[in-house]
PDB file of all heavy atoms in Angstrom:
ATOM      1  N   LEU A   1     100.373 112.219  83.185  1.00  0.00           N
ATOM      2  CA  LEU A   1      99.749 112.409  84.478  1.00  0.00           C
ATOM      3  C   LEU A   1      98.329 111.863  84.487  1.00  0.00           C
ATOM      4  O   LEU A   1      97.586 112.009  83.495  1.00  0.00           O
ATOM      5  CB  LEU A   1      99.749 113.843  84.896  1.00  0.00           C
ATOM      6  CG  LEU A   1     101.013 114.435  85.527  1.00  0.00           C
ATOM      7  CD1 LEU A   1     100.844 115.930  85.754  1.00  0.00           C
ATOM      8  CD2 LEU A   1     101.341 113.699  86.851  1.00  0.00           C
ATOM      9  N   ASN A   2      97.951 111.288  85.633  1.00  0.00           N
ATOM     10  CA  ASN A   2      96.604 110.829  85.821  1.00  0.00           C
ATOM     11  C   ASN A   2      96.177 109.811  84.775  1.00  0.00           C
ATOM     12  O   ASN A   2      95.065 109.847  84.224  1.00  0.00           O
ATOM     13  CB  ASN A   2      95.632 112.023  85.811  1.00  0.00           C
ATOM     14  CG  ASN A   2      94.344 111.726  86.621  1.00  0.00           C
ATOM     15  OD1 ASN A   2      94.300 110.810  87.397  1.00  0.00           O
ATOM     16  ND2 ASN A   2      93.349 112.531  86.382  1.00  0.00           N
ATOM     17  N   GLY A   3      97.105 108.852  84.533  1.00  0.00           N
ATOM     18  CA  GLY A   3      96.807 107.818  83.555  1.00  0.00           C
ATOM     19  C   GLY A   3      96.148 106.612  84.182  1.00  0.00           C
ATOM     20  O   GLY A   3      95.671 106.656  85.316  1.00  0.00           O
ATOM     21  N   PRO A   4      96.105 105.477  83.475  1.00  0.00           N
ATOM     22  CA  PRO A   4      95.443 104.254  83.958  1.00  0.00           C
ATOM     23  C   PRO A   4      96.016 103.813  85.289  1.00  0.00           C
ATOM     24  O   PRO A   4      95.289 103.261  86.106  1.00  0.00           O
ATOM     25  CB  PRO A   4      95.677 103.255  82.851  1.00  0.00           C
ATOM     26  CG  PRO A   4      95.871 104.053  81.603  1.00  0.00           C
ATOM     27  CD  PRO A   4      96.550 105.346  82.019  1.00  0.00           C
ATOM     28  N   SER A   5      97.338 103.952  85.491  1.00  0.00           N
ATOM     29  CA  SER A   5      97.883 103.467  86.770  1.00  0.00           C
ATOM     30  C   SER A   5      97.405 104.241  87.955  1.00  0.00           C
ATOM     31  O   SER A   5      97.286 103.705  89.048  1.00  0.00           O
ATOM     32  CB  SER A   5      99.447 103.537  86.677  1.00  0.00           C
ATOM     33  OG  SER A   5      99.866 104.826  86.503  1.00  0.00           O
ATOM     34  N   THR A   6      97.015 105.522  87.715  1.00  0.00           N
ATOM     35  CA  THR A   6      96.456 106.300  88.804  1.00  0.00           C
ATOM     36  C   THR A   6      95.139 105.693  89.294  1.00  0.00           C
ATOM     37  O   THR A   6      94.907 105.566  90.510  1.00  0.00           O
ATOM     38  CB  THR A   6      96.167 107.778  88.343  1.00  0.00           C
ATOM     39  OG1 THR A   6      97.368 108.317  87.753  1.00  0.00           O
ATOM     40  CG2 THR A   6      95.739 108.645  89.505  1.00  0.00           C
ATOM     41  N   THR A   7      94.327 105.227  88.361  1.00  0.00           N
ATOM     42  CA  THR A   7      93.067 104.580  88.672  1.00  0.00           C
ATOM     43  C   THR A   7      93.335 103.262  89.435  1.00  0.00           C
ATOM     44  O   THR A   7      92.571 102.943  90.354  1.00  0.00           O
ATOM     45  CB  THR A   7      92.289 104.316  87.392  1.00  0.00           C
ATOM     46  OG1 THR A   7      92.084 105.502  86.694  1.00  0.00           O
ATOM     47  CG2 THR A   7      90.932 103.720  87.718  1.00  0.00           C
ATOM     48  N   GLU A   8      94.369 102.540  89.027  1.00  0.00           N
ATOM     49  CA  GLU A   8      94.693 101.289  89.703  1.00  0.00           C
ATOM     50  C   GLU A   8      95.139 101.552  91.139  1.00  0.00           C
ATOM     51  O   GLU A   8      94.780 100.785  92.050  1.00  0.00           O
ATOM     52  CB  GLU A   8      95.790 100.570  88.938  1.00  0.00           C
ATOM     53  CG  GLU A   8      95.372 100.071  87.562  1.00  0.00           C
ATOM     54  CD  GLU A   8      96.528  99.532  86.748  1.00  0.00           C
ATOM     55  OE1 GLU A   8      97.622  99.403  87.312  1.00  0.00           O
ATOM     56  OE2 GLU A   8      96.336  99.258  85.531  1.00  0.00           O
ATOM     57  N   VAL A   9      95.940 102.601  91.360  1.00  0.00           N
ATOM     58  CA  VAL A   9      96.372 102.945  92.704  1.00  0.00           C
ATOM     59  C   VAL A   9      95.151 103.295  93.549  1.00  0.00           C
ATOM     60  O   VAL A   9      95.014 102.861  94.705  1.00  0.00           O
ATOM     61  CB  VAL A   9      97.374 104.079  92.683  1.00  0.00           C
ATOM     62  CG1 VAL A   9      97.656 104.597  94.053  1.00  0.00           C
ATOM     63  CG2 VAL A   9      98.697 103.595  92.054  1.00  0.00           C
ATOM     64  N   GLU A  10      94.229 104.112  92.966  1.00  0.00           N
ATOM     65  CA  GLU A  10      93.068 104.526  93.733  1.00  0.00           C
ATOM     66  C   GLU A  10      92.234 103.296  94.123  1.00  0.00           C
ATOM     67  O   GLU A  10      91.676 103.213  95.214  1.00  0.00           O
ATOM     68  CB  GLU A  10      92.241 105.485  92.839  1.00  0.00           C
ATOM     69  CG  GLU A  10      91.033 106.043  93.598  1.00  0.00           C
ATOM     70  CD  GLU A  10      90.296 107.055  92.752  1.00  0.00           C
ATOM     71  OE1 GLU A  10      90.432 107.040  91.538  1.00  0.00           O
ATOM     72  OE2 GLU A  10      89.614 107.901  93.365  1.00  0.00           O
ATOM     73  N   ALA A  11      92.148 102.350  93.190  1.00  0.00           N
ATOM     74  CA  ALA A  11      91.377 101.134  93.482  1.00  0.00           C
ATOM     75  C   ALA A  11      92.018 100.322  94.603  1.00  0.00           C
ATOM     76  O   ALA A  11      91.312  99.729  95.438  1.00  0.00           O
ATOM     77  CB  ALA A  11      91.279 100.258  92.228  1.00  0.00           C
ATOM     78  N   PHE A  12      93.330 100.287  94.637  1.00  0.00           N
ATOM     79  CA  PHE A  12      94.045  99.605  95.695  1.00  0.00           C
ATOM     80  C   PHE A  12      93.781 100.231  97.082  1.00  0.00           C
ATOM     81  O   PHE A  12      93.432  99.598  98.062  1.00  0.00           O
ATOM     82  CB  PHE A  12      95.587  99.589  95.444  1.00  0.00           C
ATOM     83  CG  PHE A  12      96.316  98.415  95.964  1.00  0.00           C
ATOM     84  CD1 PHE A  12      97.118  97.620  95.130  1.00  0.00           C
ATOM     85  CD2 PHE A  12      96.276  98.076  97.348  1.00  0.00           C
ATOM     86  CE1 PHE A  12      97.785  96.534  95.664  1.00  0.00           C
ATOM     87  CE2 PHE A  12      96.963  97.003  97.864  1.00  0.00           C
ATOM     88  CZ  PHE A  12      97.729  96.243  97.033  1.00  0.00           C
ATOM     89  N   TYR A  13      93.804 101.584  97.087  1.00  0.00           N
ATOM     90  CA  TYR A  13      93.506 102.308  98.341  1.00  0.00           C
ATOM     91  C   TYR A  13      92.099 101.975  98.762  1.00  0.00           C
ATOM     92  O   TYR A  13      91.802 101.702  99.957  1.00  0.00           O
ATOM     93  CB  TYR A  13      93.582 103.844  98.104  1.00  0.00           C
ATOM     94  CG  TYR A  13      94.922 104.445  97.842  1.00  0.00           C
ATOM     95  CD1 TYR A  13      95.035 105.760  97.520  1.00  0.00           C
ATOM     96  CD2 TYR A  13      96.092 103.679  97.899  1.00  0.00           C
ATOM     97  CE1 TYR A  13      96.267 106.394  97.262  1.00  0.00           C
ATOM     98  CE2 TYR A  13      97.345 104.246  97.592  1.00  0.00           C
ATOM     99  CZ  TYR A  13      97.389 105.624  97.301  1.00  0.00           C
ATOM    100  OH  TYR A  13      98.593 106.161  97.017  1.00  0.00           O
ATOM    101  N   PHE A  14      91.155 102.004  97.802  1.00  0.00           N
ATOM    102  CA  PHE A  14      89.708 101.796  98.101  1.00  0.00           C
ATOM    103  C   PHE A  14      89.488 100.372  98.654  1.00  0.00           C
ATOM    104  O   PHE A  14      88.758 100.163  99.628  1.00  0.00           O
ATOM    105  CB  PHE A  14      88.875 102.031  96.845  1.00  0.00           C
ATOM    106  CG  PHE A  14      87.428 101.901  97.056  1.00  0.00           C
ATOM    107  CD1 PHE A  14      86.675 102.865  97.681  1.00  0.00           C
ATOM    108  CD2 PHE A  14      86.753 100.730  96.588  1.00  0.00           C
ATOM    109  CE1 PHE A  14      85.287 102.696  97.861  1.00  0.00           C
ATOM    110  CE2 PHE A  14      85.375 100.553  96.829  1.00  0.00           C
ATOM    111  CZ  PHE A  14      84.665 101.545  97.448  1.00  0.00           C
ATOM    112  N   GLU A  15      90.118  99.419  97.977  1.00  0.00           N
ATOM    113  CA  GLU A  15      89.977  98.016  98.379  1.00  0.00           C
ATOM    114  C   GLU A  15      90.422  97.803  99.819  1.00  0.00           C
ATOM    115  O   GLU A  15      89.820  97.001 100.590  1.00  0.00           O
ATOM    116  CB  GLU A  15      90.797  97.098  97.431  1.00  0.00           C
ATOM    117  CG  GLU A  15      90.639  95.630  97.767  1.00  0.00           C
ATOM    118  CD  GLU A  15      91.444  94.756  96.852  1.00  0.00           C
ATOM    119  OE1 GLU A  15      91.992  95.289  95.830  1.00  0.00           O
ATOM    120  OE2 GLU A  15      91.622  93.562  97.146  1.00  0.00           O
ATOM    121  N   MET A  16      91.413  98.538 100.244  1.00  0.00           N
ATOM    122  CA  MET A  16      91.944  98.400 101.605  1.00  0.00           C
ATOM    123  C   MET A  16      91.261  99.322 102.598  1.00  0.00           C
ATOM    124  O   MET A  16      91.600  99.326 103.762  1.00  0.00           O
ATOM    125  CB  MET A  16      93.462  98.683 101.658  1.00  0.00           C
ATOM    126  CG  MET A  16      94.295  97.682 100.839  1.00  0.00           C
ATOM    127  SD  MET A  16      93.977  95.931 101.300  1.00  0.00           S
ATOM    128  CE  MET A  16      94.469  95.943 103.006  1.00  0.00           C
ATOM    129  N   GLY A  17      90.312 100.117 102.101  1.00  0.00           N
ATOM    130  CA  GLY A  17      89.570 100.991 102.993  1.00  0.00           C
ATOM    131  C   GLY A  17      90.402 102.140 103.527  1.00  0.00           C
ATOM    132  O   GLY A  17      90.139 102.611 104.667  1.00  0.00           O
ATOM    133  N   VAL A  18      91.381 102.576 102.773  1.00  0.00           N
ATOM    134  CA  VAL A  18      92.240 103.657 103.220  1.00  0.00           C
ATOM    135  C   VAL A  18      91.857 104.986 102.488  1.00  0.00           C
ATOM    136  O   VAL A  18      91.790 105.023 101.292  1.00  0.00           O
ATOM    137  CB  VAL A  18      93.730 103.337 102.923  1.00  0.00           C
ATOM    138  CG1 VAL A  18      94.625 104.528 103.273  1.00  0.00           C
ATOM    139  CG2 VAL A  18      94.152 102.135 103.708  1.00  0.00           C
ATOM    140  N   ASP A  19      91.593 105.994 103.328  1.00  0.00           N
ATOM    141  CA  ASP A  19      91.237 107.304 102.785  1.00  0.00           C
ATOM    142  C   ASP A  19      92.314 108.284 103.184  1.00  0.00           C
ATOM    143  O   ASP A  19      92.364 108.791 104.268  1.00  0.00           O
ATOM    144  CB  ASP A  19      89.882 107.742 103.398  1.00  0.00           C
ATOM    145  CG  ASP A  19      89.372 109.080 102.777  1.00  0.00           C
ATOM    146  OD1 ASP A  19      89.914 109.415 101.697  1.00  0.00           O
ATOM    147  OD2 ASP A  19      88.523 109.671 103.367  1.00  0.00           O
ATOM    148  N   LEU A  20      93.227 108.518 102.257  1.00  0.00           N
ATOM    149  CA  LEU A  20      94.369 109.419 102.551  1.00  0.00           C
ATOM    150  C   LEU A  20      93.972 110.902 102.380  1.00  0.00           C
ATOM    151  O   LEU A  20      93.094 111.181 101.559  1.00  0.00           O
ATOM    152  CB  LEU A  20      95.520 109.167 101.541  1.00  0.00           C
ATOM    153  CG  LEU A  20      96.199 107.756 101.637  1.00  0.00           C
ATOM    154  CD1 LEU A  20      97.215 107.590 100.526  1.00  0.00           C
ATOM    155  CD2 LEU A  20      96.808 107.510 102.987  1.00  0.00           C
ATOM    156  N   ALA A  21      94.500 111.732 103.217  1.00  0.00           N
ATOM    157  CA  ALA A  21      94.215 113.149 103.136  1.00  0.00           C
ATOM    158  C   ALA A  21      95.028 113.757 101.996  1.00  0.00           C
ATOM    159  O   ALA A  21      96.135 114.275 102.226  1.00  0.00           O
ATOM    160  CB  ALA A  21      94.527 113.813 104.456  1.00  0.00           C
ATOM    161  N   VAL A  22      94.534 113.680 100.792  1.00  0.00           N
ATOM    162  CA  VAL A  22      95.277 114.113  99.593  1.00  0.00           C
ATOM    163  C   VAL A  22      94.993 115.606  99.355  1.00  0.00           C
ATOM    164  O   VAL A  22      93.830 116.024  99.276  1.00  0.00           O
ATOM    165  CB  VAL A  22      94.820 113.261  98.378  1.00  0.00           C
ATOM    166  CG1 VAL A  22      95.544 113.795  97.130  1.00  0.00           C
ATOM    167  CG2 VAL A  22      95.147 111.818  98.613  1.00  0.00           C
ATOM    168  N   GLU A  23      96.035 116.365  99.258  1.00  0.00           N
ATOM    169  CA  GLU A  23      95.891 117.815  99.068  1.00  0.00           C
ATOM    170  C   GLU A  23      96.792 118.244  97.870  1.00  0.00           C
ATOM    171  O   GLU A  23      98.004 118.089  97.934  1.00  0.00           O
ATOM    172  CB  GLU A  23      96.312 118.613 100.340  1.00  0.00           C
ATOM    173  CG  GLU A  23      95.409 118.301 101.507  1.00  0.00           C
ATOM    174  CD  GLU A  23      95.859 119.128 102.740  1.00  0.00           C
ATOM    175  OE1 GLU A  23      96.748 119.964 102.574  1.00  0.00           O
ATOM    176  OE2 GLU A  23      95.329 118.866 103.820  1.00  0.00           O
ATOM    177  N   ASP A  24      96.159 118.799  96.847  1.00  0.00           N
ATOM    178  CA  ASP A  24      96.901 119.402  95.748  1.00  0.00           C
ATOM    179  C   ASP A  24      97.879 118.513  95.043  1.00  0.00           C
ATOM    180  O   ASP A  24      98.834 118.995  94.422  1.00  0.00           O
ATOM    181  CB  ASP A  24      97.655 120.678  96.220  1.00  0.00           C
ATOM    182  CG  ASP A  24      96.720 121.698  96.843  1.00  0.00           C
ATOM    183  OD1 ASP A  24      95.553 121.816  96.344  1.00  0.00           O
ATOM    184  OD2 ASP A  24      97.099 122.348  97.799  1.00  0.00           O
TER     185      ASP A  24
END
């Protein structure tokens, strides 16, 4: 859980300017 691919996904969201309402 929460490995390198998690960081890559977060970077993709950030690059596209998407802020998802992530809960728990």
